[in-house]
């Protein structure tokens, strides 16, 4: 279930835009990996257009792109090894 601290396999339980909106209310930073590029969006203190966020965070099906995880007040969508290290505090 979205909103819990337990993992959710988004391939089996798709996470739709209304659920993503609830998640991003509780984050300050979003990192979105697309290919070799990582987009960093700071939500704290700024207004982001929902349409822009939806275009970056969702698949064409309207569900959250995977892999995705939230750690504290940071949401990471897509895979970028360096971003994972930075957010997860790994070596």
Protein backbone atom coordinates (compact mmCIF):
# COMPACT_ATOMS: atom_id res chain seq x y z
CA UNK A 1 0.00 0.00 0.00
CA UNK A 2 1.27 3.45 -0.89
CA UNK A 3 2.06 5.64 2.07
CA UNK A 4 3.43 2.84 4.20
CA UNK A 5 7.08 2.34 4.97
CA UNK A 6 7.09 -1.18 3.58
CA UNK A 7 8.33 -1.78 0.03
CA UNK A 8 5.85 -1.85 -2.82
CA UNK A 9 6.62 -3.61 -6.11
CA UNK A 10 5.27 -1.04 -8.58
CA UNK A 11 5.30 -3.66 -11.34
CA UNK A 12 2.71 -5.66 -9.42
CA UNK A 13 0.95 -2.75 -7.70
CA UNK A 14 1.13 0.26 -10.04
CA UNK A 15 1.41 3.64 -8.34
CA UNK A 16 -0.82 6.19 -10.08
CA UNK A 17 -0.47 9.98 -10.19
CA UNK A 18 -2.82 10.63 -7.25
CA UNK A 19 -0.64 8.38 -5.09
CA UNK A 20 2.55 10.02 -6.37
CA UNK A 21 1.12 13.44 -5.44
CA UNK A 22 0.62 12.21 -1.85
CA UNK A 23 4.19 10.95 -1.76
CA UNK A 24 5.77 14.16 -3.08
CA UNK A 25 3.97 16.25 -0.44
CA UNK A 26 6.41 14.69 2.02
CA UNK A 27 9.66 15.18 0.08
CA UNK A 28 11.99 18.14 -0.37
CA UNK A 29 14.17 16.71 -3.14
CA UNK A 30 13.47 14.54 -6.16
CA UNK A 31 16.20 12.93 -8.28
CA UNK A 32 15.05 11.60 -11.63
CA UNK A 33 17.46 9.50 -13.68
CA UNK A 34 16.72 9.51 -17.40
CA UNK A 35 19.40 7.83 -19.47
CA UNK A 36 22.76 9.35 -18.48
CA UNK A 37 21.16 12.51 -17.13
CA UNK A 38 19.95 13.07 -13.56
CA UNK A 39 17.45 15.83 -12.91
CA UNK A 40 17.37 17.26 -9.40
CA UNK A 41 14.20 19.09 -8.36
CA UNK A 42 14.08 20.98 -5.08
CA UNK A 43 10.51 21.17 -3.87
CA UNK A 44 11.17 22.91 -0.57
CA UNK A 45 10.31 26.57 -0.83
CA UNK A 46 9.45 26.39 -4.51
CA UNK A 47 6.42 25.70 -6.61
CA UNK A 48 6.68 23.06 -9.29
CA UNK A 49 4.09 22.69 -11.98
CA UNK A 50 2.22 19.38 -11.51
CA UNK A 51 2.27 18.78 -15.27
CA UNK A 52 6.08 19.00 -15.34
CA UNK A 53 6.44 16.63 -12.40
CA UNK A 54 3.98 14.19 -13.92
CA UNK A 55 5.86 14.17 -17.24
CA UNK A 56 9.14 13.40 -15.43
CA UNK A 57 7.86 10.89 -12.87
CA UNK A 58 5.28 8.86 -14.78
CA UNK A 59 5.41 6.24 -17.50
CA UNK A 60 3.15 6.71 -20.54
CA UNK A 61 0.70 4.38 -18.74
CA UNK A 62 0.27 7.02 -16.03
CA UNK A 63 2.04 5.01 -13.33
CA UNK A 64 5.23 5.88 -11.46
CA UNK A 65 8.45 5.02 -13.28
CA UNK A 66 10.59 2.31 -11.70
CA UNK A 67 12.82 1.75 -9.88
CA UNK A 68 11.77 4.34 -7.31
CA UNK A 69 12.37 4.74 -3.60
CA UNK A 70 11.97 7.32 -0.90
CA UNK A 71 14.53 7.87 1.82
CA UNK A 72 13.58 10.45 4.38
CA UNK A 73 12.51 13.54 2.46
CA UNK A 74 14.16 12.47 -0.81
CA UNK A 75 12.52 10.61 -3.69
CA UNK A 76 14.66 8.87 -6.32
CA UNK A 77 13.12 7.69 -9.59
CA UNK A 78 15.09 5.73 -12.18
CA UNK A 79 18.53 4.23 -11.70
CA UNK A 80 21.78 6.13 -11.39
CA UNK A 81 24.50 4.49 -9.33
CA UNK A 82 26.08 7.75 -8.14
CA UNK A 83 22.70 9.14 -7.03
CA UNK A 84 21.94 5.92 -5.15
CA UNK A 85 25.29 6.19 -3.34
CA UNK A 86 24.69 9.82 -2.45
CA UNK A 87 21.14 9.31 -1.19
CA UNK A 88 21.72 5.99 0.55
CA UNK A 89 25.04 7.08 2.04
CA UNK A 90 26.98 4.16 0.56
CA UNK A 91 30.62 3.98 -0.38
